[in-house]
């Protein structure tokens, strides 16, 4: 019986700690980089601010770290024996993250949270201990928009298992009704319909507009969401003009009431451009935001300490060996970090330079239709970097231009062919699509079929399903939902 043998080889790319550090630094925008540098300086005393000292001192440091003439006494031992290859790398540094982890900065803000503001209102009601526990659990179960997405019977189970509170669905609904009286109106709703109804019912129901609005939301909600206006006017026996007034009233309601409470506690993140692009006499000039190029150096004090240990002639004690290992690890870490920052600067500039050269016509004019089809691979091949590296750069960096400040990834798009065989950017097609929708008659919005024909008439070969895809990417609803009275 013949035996078949096969060897399976698995090629696995192993990234060094320095490469992982560079990948993480590339993802950071300018503000994030400043915070990262601050954290590194706080954790590594061998990293200093300021420019590197003159070359003579650097050369002297290199000599100190190099192997000079070795004396007889030095031959008996070598500090490198204690910190060299026999010391596992994991002993020299600590990093409790996997290489795939993304460091996410959670912005801190002052002021009360959404839940805390609701809990403050809860104190105005006299509830026994169990009911208070139920109310707190319900508040804690609301999402950031102010909705209760969890089923009531599931909440009953949660209360039994986690709070040791035995209750029933109807009783929890009763407590929920109390929360639904809190401000802002609509908080505690289980769906959009209930959210809007809570708000409209808090208004003056004596007006005909409010009564019709409540009737539409309660009994004709599907027709309202699908904009089947003729069904509503027929059911309520009102004119289109009257319906328009009612719809205007409904559109004043807040579909996400939780946001109105939480917005005040959110930190406003201002975009800080990573690049500045200026044009003078037809020449494009690109500069990296100065905050991306900090002056960092290895601490001279730590270098001198290393030299002092190396210069001593007697055999080191255990405490001296531990100290030397600690100093070496901090010096190496500082050097790696400084190198990674410099590599980050070079990568950002070479990537931005490639993008600008590729899209020179657009950057000189600012007309979006001049943007050529461009994918990550195009730039990766120009700068000889991985596509993943380019992706990290363009997904988080902004450039300030005479036409506005843009995220780099917005300059990338796929291509398609016109009738003449010319390749054009999908960005150009989306711009035409967006303009057509903005100019349409809102009483009779353009369907995807009509939009497809409009584009085909302009020599763009685009099927209806492709138009639908582009429309969705632009966050534009279907024609029926764009209809207005």
Protein backbone atom coordinates (compact mmCIF):
# COMPACT_ATOMS: atom_id res chain seq x y z
CA UNK A 1 0.00 0.00 0.00
CA UNK A 2 1.54 3.23 -1.13
CA UNK A 3 1.82 5.86 1.47
CA UNK A 4 1.36 9.41 0.45
CA UNK A 5 3.28 11.93 2.40
CA UNK A 6 2.86 15.63 2.21
CA UNK A 7 4.34 18.51 4.07
CA UNK A 8 2.24 21.51 4.81
CA UNK A 9 4.10 24.71 5.35
CA UNK A 10 2.39 27.65 6.94
CA UNK A 11 3.95 31.03 6.32
CA UNK A 12 3.18 33.37 9.14
CA UNK A 13 4.34 36.95 9.15
CA UNK A 14 5.77 37.96 12.49
CA UNK A 15 5.93 41.66 13.16
CA UNK A 16 8.64 43.04 15.42
CA UNK A 17 7.65 45.27 18.37
CA UNK A 18 9.07 48.25 16.42
CA UNK A 19 6.92 47.46 13.36
CA UNK A 20 3.82 47.11 15.54
CA UNK A 21 4.64 50.44 17.19
CA UNK A 22 5.01 52.13 13.79
CA UNK A 23 1.69 50.69 12.55
CA UNK A 24 -0.09 52.07 15.61
CA UNK A 25 1.58 55.47 15.23
CA UNK A 26 0.58 55.66 11.57
CA UNK A 27 -3.08 55.28 12.52
CA UNK A 28 -2.98 58.23 14.91
CA UNK A 29 -4.07 61.68 13.76
CA UNK A 30 -2.12 64.72 14.97
CA UNK A 31 -3.99 65.15 18.27
CA UNK A 32 -3.70 61.42 19.02
CA UNK A 33 0.04 61.52 18.32
CA UNK A 34 0.55 64.32 20.83
CA UNK A 35 -1.24 62.31 23.49
CA UNK A 36 0.76 59.19 22.60
CA UNK A 37 4.08 61.09 22.91
CA UNK A 38 2.98 62.45 26.28
CA UNK A 39 2.17 58.93 27.50
CA UNK A 40 5.52 57.59 26.25
CA UNK A 41 7.47 60.35 27.99
CA UNK A 42 5.61 59.71 31.23
CA UNK A 43 6.38 55.98 31.11
CA UNK A 44 9.98 56.24 29.82
CA UNK A 45 12.35 58.65 31.62
CA UNK A 46 15.03 57.92 28.98
CA UNK A 47 12.98 59.88 26.42
CA UNK A 48 13.48 63.64 26.49
CA UNK A 49 12.11 66.67 24.66
CA UNK A 50 14.51 68.80 22.65
CA UNK A 51 16.85 68.49 19.69
CA UNK A 52 19.62 65.93 19.52
CA UNK A 53 22.95 67.30 20.77
CA UNK A 54 25.83 67.92 18.35
CA UNK A 55 27.47 65.20 16.31
CA UNK A 56 30.61 65.13 18.49
CA UNK A 57 28.57 64.10 21.49
CA UNK A 58 26.64 61.58 19.42
CA UNK A 59 29.92 60.13 18.15
CA UNK A 60 31.23 60.00 21.70
CA UNK A 61 28.10 58.13 22.77
CA UNK A 62 28.53 55.66 19.91
CA UNK A 63 32.12 55.05 21.05
CA UNK A 64 30.96 54.52 24.61
CA UNK A 65 28.43 51.95 23.46
CA UNK A 66 30.95 50.35 21.08
CA UNK A 67 33.73 47.98 22.07
CA UNK A 68 36.93 49.88 22.66
CA UNK A 69 40.33 48.46 23.64
CA UNK A 70 39.52 45.80 26.23
CA UNK A 71 41.73 45.71 29.35
CA UNK A 72 42.78 42.50 31.07
CA UNK A 73 40.35 43.07 33.91
CA UNK A 74 37.51 43.67 31.49
CA UNK A 75 38.26 40.36 29.79
CA UNK A 76 37.19 38.57 32.96
CA UNK A 77 33.60 39.71 32.50
CA UNK A 78 31.48 41.70 30.11
CA UNK A 79 28.30 43.56 30.99
CA UNK A 80 26.86 42.34 27.71
CA UNK A 81 26.98 38.82 29.13
CA UNK A 82 24.31 39.91 31.56
CA UNK A 83 22.06 41.79 29.17
CA UNK A 84 22.75 40.10 25.86
CA UNK A 85 21.27 37.17 24.01
CA UNK A 86 20.65 35.07 27.14
CA UNK A 87 18.07 37.53 28.39
CA UNK A 88 14.67 36.84 26.81
CA UNK A 89 13.19 39.89 25.11
CA UNK A 90 10.04 39.63 27.21
CA UNK A 91 12.11 40.37 30.29
CA UNK A 92 13.16 43.72 28.89
CA UNK A 93 9.75 45.17 28.16
CA UNK A 94 6.13 44.81 29.14
CA UNK A 95 3.23 45.15 26.73
CA UNK A 96 -0.06 43.60 27.66
CA UNK A 97 -1.64 44.10 24.25
CA UNK A 98 -1.73 41.78 21.30
CA UNK A 99 -0.37 43.10 18.01
CA UNK A 100 -3.90 43.21 16.62
CA UNK A 101 -5.25 45.40 19.42
CA UNK A 102 -6.23 48.92 18.53
CA UNK A 103 -5.62 51.56 21.16
CA UNK A 104 -8.80 53.53 21.51
CA UNK A 105 -8.78 56.80 23.37
CA UNK A 106 -11.95 57.44 25.34
CA UNK A 107 -12.55 61.19 25.59
CA UNK A 108 -13.23 62.38 29.11
CA UNK A 109 -15.78 65.06 29.68
CA UNK A 110 -17.28 66.99 32.48
CA UNK A 111 -20.95 67.24 33.35
CA UNK A 112 -23.50 64.59 34.22
CA UNK A 113 -24.04 61.59 31.98
CA UNK A 114 -27.32 60.81 30.22
CA UNK A 115 -28.22 58.18 32.84
CA UNK A 116 -27.26 60.46 35.75
CA UNK A 117 -29.58 63.21 34.50
CA UNK A 118 -32.47 60.74 34.34
CA UNK A 119 -31.65 59.33 37.79
CA UNK A 120 -31.80 62.87 39.17
CA UNK A 121 -35.38 63.16 37.89
CA UNK A 122 -36.20 59.82 39.50
CA UNK A 123 -35.66 61.34 42.96
CA UNK A 124 -38.81 63.44 42.41
CA UNK A 125 -40.96 60.28 42.62
CA UNK A 126 -41.75 58.36 45.80
CA UNK A 127 -40.98 54.72 44.97
CA UNK A 128 -40.38 51.78 47.29
CA UNK A 129 -37.01 49.99 47.17
CA UNK A 130 -38.01 47.39 44.57
CA UNK A 131 -39.64 49.94 42.26
CA UNK A 132 -36.63 52.21 42.59
CA UNK A 133 -34.38 49.28 41.65
CA UNK A 134 -36.58 48.52 38.62
CA UNK A 135 -36.50 52.17 37.52
CA UNK A 136 -32.70 52.33 37.84
CA UNK A 137 -32.37 49.11 35.86
CA UNK A 138 -34.61 50.51 33.10
CA UNK A 139 -32.60 53.75 32.95
CA UNK A 140 -29.40 51.75 32.75
CA UNK A 141 -30.86 49.72 29.89
CA UNK A 142 -31.56 52.76 27.66
CA UNK A 143 -29.29 53.25 24.66
CA UNK A 144 -27.60 56.57 23.88
CA UNK A 145 -30.60 57.68 21.79
CA UNK A 146 -32.88 57.24 24.80
CA UNK A 147 -34.63 54.04 23.63
CA UNK A 148 -35.33 50.86 25.55
CA UNK A 149 -34.36 48.21 23.00
CA UNK A 150 -34.57 45.20 25.35
CA UNK A 151 -37.85 43.26 25.62
CA UNK A 152 -39.75 43.78 28.88
CA UNK A 153 -39.97 40.04 29.64
CA UNK A 154 -36.17 39.82 29.28
CA UNK A 155 -35.83 42.72 31.73
CA UNK A 156 -38.08 40.86 34.19
CA UNK A 157 -35.63 37.93 34.00
CA UNK A 158 -32.66 40.28 34.42
CA UNK A 159 -34.18 41.77 37.55
CA UNK A 160 -34.78 38.33 39.05
CA UNK A 161 -31.26 37.03 38.36
CA UNK A 162 -29.16 40.14 38.91
CA UNK A 163 -31.17 42.23 41.39
CA UNK A 164 -33.15 39.50 43.17
CA UNK A 165 -36.32 41.47 42.42
CA UNK A 166 -39.33 39.36 41.48
CA UNK A 167 -41.80 41.28 39.37
CA UNK A 168 -44.09 40.99 36.34
CA UNK A 169 -44.19 42.47 32.84
CA UNK A 170 -47.18 44.73 33.54
CA UNK A 171 -45.52 46.16 36.64
CA UNK A 172 -42.29 46.93 34.76
CA UNK A 173 -44.38 48.65 32.05
CA UNK A 174 -45.97 50.75 34.78
CA UNK A 175 -42.53 51.90 36.01
CA UNK A 176 -41.48 52.51 32.40
CA UNK A 177 -44.45 54.87 31.97
CA UNK A 178 -43.03 56.97 34.82
CA UNK A 179 -39.67 57.24 33.04
CA UNK A 180 -41.48 58.18 29.83
CA UNK A 181 -42.67 61.32 31.63
CA UNK A 182 -39.06 62.44 32.15
CA UNK A 183 -37.35 65.10 30.10
CA UNK A 184 -36.53 65.23 27.29
CA UNK A 185 -39.92 64.06 25.97
CA UNK A 186 -39.76 60.70 24.20
CA UNK A 187 -37.10 59.15 26.42
CA UNK A 188 -37.83 55.54 27.45
CA UNK A 189 -39.71 54.71 24.23
CA UNK A 190 -39.36 51.21 22.77
CA UNK A 191 -39.54 52.28 19.13
CA UNK A 192 -39.79 55.39 16.96
CA UNK A 193 -43.58 55.33 16.84
CA UNK A 194 -43.88 55.31 20.64
CA UNK A 195 -41.16 57.98 20.91
CA UNK A 196 -43.00 60.41 18.62
CA UNK A 197 -46.38 59.65 20.22
CA UNK A 198 -45.04 60.44 23.70
CA UNK A 199 -43.82 63.80 22.42
CA UNK A 200 -46.93 64.78 20.48
CA UNK A 201 -49.19 63.79 23.37
CA UNK A 202 -47.27 66.14 25.66
CA UNK A 203 -48.20 69.01 23.36
CA UNK A 204 -51.51 70.88 23.35
CA UNK A 205 -53.90 68.20 22.10
CA UNK A 206 -56.70 70.70 21.80
CA UNK A 207 -55.33 71.97 18.49
CA UNK A 208 -56.54 70.20 15.33
CA UNK A 209 -52.96 69.88 14.05
CA UNK A 210 -51.81 68.06 17.21
CA UNK A 211 -54.88 65.78 17.14
CA UNK A 212 -54.27 64.86 13.50
CA UNK A 213 -50.59 64.31 14.20
CA UNK A 214 -51.44 61.95 17.07
CA UNK A 215 -53.95 60.12 14.86
CA UNK A 216 -51.39 59.66 12.06
CA UNK A 217 -48.68 58.41 14.43
CA UNK A 218 -50.99 56.02 16.25
CA UNK A 219 -53.10 54.59 13.43
CA UNK A 220 -51.37 55.42 10.13
CA UNK A 221 -47.70 55.15 11.06
CA UNK A 222 -46.78 52.80 8.20
CA UNK A 223 -48.35 55.12 5.62
CA UNK A 224 -46.49 58.01 7.25
CA UNK A 225 -43.06 56.30 7.11
CA UNK A 226 -43.62 55.14 3.52
CA UNK A 227 -44.92 58.59 2.53
CA UNK A 228 -48.20 57.21 1.20
CA UNK A 229 -49.77 60.64 1.67
CA UNK A 230 -52.87 60.00 -0.43
CA UNK A 231 -53.91 57.20 1.97
CA UNK A 232 -53.57 59.56 4.94
CA UNK A 233 -55.53 62.44 3.39
CA UNK A 234 -58.30 60.01 2.47
CA UNK A 235 -58.43 58.39 5.92
CA UNK A 236 -58.45 61.71 7.79
CA UNK A 237 -60.55 63.56 5.20
CA UNK A 238 -58.10 66.45 5.05
CA UNK A 239 -56.49 68.37 2.20
CA UNK A 240 -52.84 68.09 1.12
CA UNK A 241 -52.27 71.58 2.51
CA UNK A 242 -53.65 70.54 5.93
CA UNK A 243 -51.51 67.38 5.83
CA UNK A 244 -48.42 69.47 5.11
CA UNK A 245 -49.04 71.48 8.31
CA UNK A 246 -49.44 68.26 10.32
CA UNK A 247 -46.27 66.74 8.85
CA UNK A 248 -44.35 69.94 9.63
CA UNK A 249 -45.47 69.55 13.26
CA UNK A 250 -44.34 65.90 13.37
CA UNK A 251 -40.97 66.76 11.81
CA UNK A 252 -40.31 69.14 14.71
CA UNK A 253 -40.24 66.12 17.07
CA UNK A 254 -36.94 64.59 18.14
CA UNK A 255 -36.43 61.00 16.90
CA UNK A 256 -33.43 60.57 19.24
CA UNK A 257 -34.30 62.31 22.51
CA UNK A 258 -31.33 60.84 24.39
CA UNK A 259 -28.93 62.80 22.23
CA UNK A 260 -30.26 66.11 23.49
CA UNK A 261 -29.16 65.15 27.01
CA UNK A 262 -25.90 63.46 26.12
CA UNK A 263 -24.66 66.06 23.65
CA UNK A 264 -23.86 68.50 26.44
CA UNK A 265 -21.56 65.91 28.01
CA UNK A 266 -19.72 65.04 24.82
CA UNK A 267 -16.34 66.40 23.90
CA UNK A 268 -16.35 68.29 20.63
CA UNK A 269 -13.56 66.89 18.49
CA UNK A 270 -12.16 69.56 16.18
CA UNK A 271 -10.40 68.35 13.06
CA UNK A 272 -6.71 69.22 13.12
CA UNK A 273 -5.29 68.88 9.59
CA UNK A 274 -2.21 66.66 9.37
CA UNK A 275 -1.10 68.32 6.13
CA UNK A 276 -1.30 71.82 4.70
CA UNK A 277 -1.53 72.17 0.93
CA UNK A 278 -1.00 75.56 -0.66
CA UNK A 279 -0.75 76.68 -4.28
CA UNK A 280 1.46 79.52 -5.45
CA UNK A 281 2.13 80.38 -9.10
CA UNK A 282 0.74 77.03 -10.20
CA UNK A 283 3.05 75.11 -7.87
CA UNK A 284 1.69 72.85 -5.14
CA UNK A 285 3.44 72.94 -1.77
CA UNK A 286 2.81 70.24 0.84
CA UNK A 287 3.85 70.58 4.47
CA UNK A 288 3.33 68.30 7.45
CA UNK A 289 1.64 69.89 10.46
CA UNK A 290 4.52 70.86 12.78
CA UNK A 291 2.84 69.05 15.64
CA UNK A 292 3.63 65.80 13.81
CA UNK A 293 7.37 66.49 13.99
CA UNK A 294 8.23 66.89 17.68
CA UNK A 295 11.83 67.31 18.87
CA UNK A 296 12.65 64.15 20.83
CA UNK A 297 15.98 62.77 21.99
CA UNK A 298 17.46 60.03 24.14
CA UNK A 299 18.20 61.25 27.67
CA UNK A 300 21.90 62.16 28.12
CA UNK A 301 21.61 61.32 31.83
CA UNK A 302 20.52 57.75 31.04
CA UNK A 303 23.27 57.39 28.42
CA UNK A 304 25.84 58.53 31.00
CA UNK A 305 24.50 56.03 33.53
CA UNK A 306 24.94 53.23 30.97
CA UNK A 307 28.50 54.42 30.27
CA UNK A 308 29.27 54.52 33.99
CA UNK A 309 28.22 50.90 34.47
CA UNK A 310 30.18 49.79 31.43
CA UNK A 311 33.36 51.58 32.56
CA UNK A 312 33.56 49.91 35.95
CA UNK A 313 36.13 47.12 36.22
CA UNK A 314 34.79 44.87 38.96
CA UNK A 315 32.14 42.20 38.51
CA UNK A 316 28.64 43.68 38.84
CA UNK A 317 26.37 42.89 41.73
CA UNK A 318 22.84 41.56 41.16
CA UNK A 319 21.34 45.00 41.81
CA UNK A 320 23.76 46.54 39.31
CA UNK A 321 22.82 43.95 36.67
CA UNK A 322 19.12 44.67 37.26
CA UNK A 323 19.77 48.41 37.01
CA UNK A 324 21.75 47.98 33.79
CA UNK A 325 19.02 45.84 32.24
CA UNK A 326 16.43 48.46 33.19
CA UNK A 327 18.50 51.34 31.73
CA UNK A 328 19.22 49.43 28.51
CA UNK A 329 15.56 48.59 28.05
CA UNK A 330 14.55 52.23 28.54
CA UNK A 331 17.28 53.51 26.19
CA UNK A 332 16.33 50.97 23.50
CA UNK A 333 12.66 51.82 23.91
CA UNK A 334 13.40 55.56 23.57
CA UNK A 335 15.50 55.01 20.44
CA UNK A 336 12.84 52.79 18.87
CA UNK A 337 10.15 55.37 19.60
CA UNK A 338 12.16 58.26 18.11
CA UNK A 339 12.90 56.18 15.00
CA UNK A 340 9.23 55.22 14.68
CA UNK A 341 8.18 58.90 14.88
CA UNK A 342 10.67 59.77 12.10
CA UNK A 343 9.47 56.85 9.98
CA UNK A 344 5.89 58.02 10.53
CA UNK A 345 6.79 61.52 9.26
CA UNK A 346 8.51 60.10 6.17
CA UNK A 347 5.63 57.72 5.43
CA UNK A 348 3.02 60.49 5.77
CA UNK A 349 4.90 62.88 3.51
CA UNK A 350 5.71 60.29 0.82
CA UNK A 351 2.06 59.11 0.79
CA UNK A 352 0.66 62.65 0.59
CA UNK A 353 3.17 63.54 -2.13
CA UNK A 354 2.10 60.51 -4.19
CA UNK A 355 -1.60 61.35 -3.79
CA UNK A 356 -1.06 64.97 -4.85
CA UNK A 357 1.00 63.99 -7.91
CA UNK A 358 -1.64 61.41 -8.89
CA UNK A 359 -4.48 63.92 -8.52
CA UNK A 360 -2.57 67.05 -9.59
CA UNK A 361 -5.33 68.33 -11.88
CA UNK A 362 -7.86 68.24 -9.05
CA UNK A 363 -5.59 69.91 -6.48
CA UNK A 364 -4.74 72.73 -8.90
CA UNK A 365 -8.40 73.41 -9.70
CA UNK A 366 -10.57 72.01 -6.87
CA UNK A 367 -13.20 70.62 -9.27
CA UNK A 368 -14.33 67.20 -7.95
CA UNK A 369 -15.00 65.94 -11.46
CA UNK A 370 -11.25 66.15 -12.13
CA UNK A 371 -10.54 63.44 -9.55
CA UNK A 372 -9.13 60.41 -11.37
CA UNK A 373 -9.93 56.83 -10.37
CA UNK A 374 -7.44 55.94 -7.63
CA UNK A 375 -7.25 52.94 -5.33
CA UNK A 376 -4.94 52.15 -2.40
CA UNK A 377 -2.86 49.83 -4.59
CA UNK A 378 -1.99 52.72 -6.94
CA UNK A 379 -0.36 54.73 -4.15
CA UNK A 380 1.17 51.66 -2.46
CA UNK A 381 3.02 50.84 -5.68
CA UNK A 382 4.36 54.39 -6.01
CA UNK A 383 5.76 54.61 -2.47
CA UNK A 384 6.72 50.91 -2.22
CA UNK A 385 4.65 50.26 0.88
CA UNK A 386 1.97 47.73 1.79
CA UNK A 387 -1.66 48.53 0.98
CA UNK A 388 -2.44 48.09 4.70
CA UNK A 389 0.06 50.86 5.53
CA UNK A 390 -1.50 53.26 3.03
CA UNK A 391 -4.92 52.39 4.42
CA UNK A 392 -3.79 53.32 7.94
CA UNK A 393 -2.59 56.69 6.69
CA UNK A 394 -5.53 57.72 4.50
CA UNK A 395 -8.27 56.56 6.87
CA UNK A 396 -7.22 58.89 9.69
CA UNK A 397 -5.42 61.88 8.18
CA UNK A 398 -6.78 65.21 6.98
CA UNK A 399 -5.34 67.72 4.53
CA UNK A 400 -6.16 71.43 4.53
CA UNK A 401 -6.47 72.77 0.98
CA UNK A 402 -7.68 76.06 -0.56
CA UNK A 403 -11.00 74.24 -1.21
CA UNK A 404 -11.56 72.91 2.31
CA UNK A 405 -10.24 70.30 4.73
CA UNK A 406 -10.66 66.68 3.61
CA UNK A 407 -10.02 63.18 4.87
CA UNK A 408 -7.45 61.62 2.53
CA UNK A 409 -9.59 58.58 1.81
CA UNK A 410 -12.17 60.81 0.09
CA UNK A 411 -9.77 61.22 -2.83
CA UNK A 412 -9.89 57.48 -3.55
CA UNK A 413 -12.50 55.89 -5.80
CA UNK A 414 -13.02 53.01 -8.21
CA UNK A 415 -13.30 53.51 -11.96
CA UNK A 416 -15.91 52.85 -14.63
CA UNK A 417 -15.99 53.32 -18.39
CA UNK A 418 -17.96 55.77 -20.52
CA UNK A 419 -19.40 55.01 -23.96
CA UNK A 420 -16.12 56.15 -25.52
CA UNK A 421 -14.15 53.73 -23.35
CA UNK A 422 -12.70 56.50 -21.18
CA UNK A 423 -12.12 55.60 -17.52
CA UNK A 424 -13.77 57.98 -15.06
CA UNK A 425 -13.90 58.08 -11.27
CA UNK A 426 -16.98 56.81 -9.46
CA UNK A 427 -16.56 59.96 -7.37
CA UNK A 428 -17.40 62.00 -10.46
CA UNK A 429 -20.52 59.89 -11.09
CA UNK A 430 -21.65 60.24 -7.47
CA UNK A 431 -21.29 64.01 -7.74
CA UNK A 432 -23.56 64.07 -10.82
CA UNK A 433 -25.99 61.75 -9.02
CA UNK A 434 -26.05 63.94 -5.91
CA UNK A 435 -26.57 67.13 -7.94
CA UNK A 436 -29.45 65.54 -9.88
CA UNK A 437 -31.20 64.50 -6.66
CA UNK A 438 -30.72 67.96 -5.10
CA UNK A 439 -32.31 69.59 -8.15
CA UNK A 440 -35.21 67.12 -8.58
CA UNK A 441 -38.87 68.00 -8.08
CA UNK A 442 -39.51 66.73 -4.54
CA UNK A 443 -43.16 66.16 -5.35
CA UNK A 444 -42.00 63.61 -7.96
CA UNK A 445 -38.51 62.45 -6.96
CA UNK A 446 -36.34 60.65 -9.53
CA UNK A 447 -36.44 56.87 -9.23
CA UNK A 448 -33.24 54.81 -9.53
CA UNK A 449 -34.42 53.81 -13.01
CA UNK A 450 -34.74 57.45 -14.07
CA UNK A 451 -31.39 58.32 -12.50
CA UNK A 452 -29.80 55.45 -14.42
CA UNK A 453 -31.26 56.79 -17.68
CA UNK A 454 -30.06 60.31 -16.85
CA UNK A 455 -26.51 59.01 -16.37
CA UNK A 456 -26.68 56.87 -19.49
CA UNK A 457 -27.73 59.95 -21.45
CA UNK A 458 -24.49 61.55 -20.23
CA UNK A 459 -22.53 58.53 -21.61
CA UNK A 460 -22.03 56.84 -18.21
CA UNK A 461 -22.82 53.13 -18.52
CA UNK A 462 -24.49 52.50 -15.18
CA UNK A 463 -27.19 49.98 -14.37
CA UNK A 464 -30.09 50.74 -12.03
CA UNK A 465 -28.70 48.46 -9.28
CA UNK A 466 -25.37 50.36 -9.43
CA UNK A 467 -27.22 53.66 -9.08
CA UNK A 468 -28.95 52.21 -6.01
CA UNK A 469 -25.55 51.21 -4.56
CA UNK A 470 -24.06 54.69 -5.10
CA UNK A 471 -27.20 56.35 -3.70
CA UNK A 472 -26.95 54.24 -0.54
CA UNK A 473 -23.24 55.09 -0.20
CA UNK A 474 -24.26 58.76 -0.32
CA UNK A 475 -26.85 58.08 2.44
CA UNK A 476 -29.68 59.21 0.15
CA UNK A 477 -33.02 57.42 0.64
CA UNK A 478 -35.11 55.91 -2.17
CA UNK A 479 -37.34 58.20 -4.24
CA UNK A 480 -40.49 57.36 -2.25
CA UNK A 481 -38.87 58.57 0.98
CA UNK A 482 -37.61 61.78 -0.64
CA UNK A 483 -41.12 62.82 -1.56
CA UNK A 484 -42.40 66.09 -0.15
CA UNK A 485 -45.75 67.84 -0.37
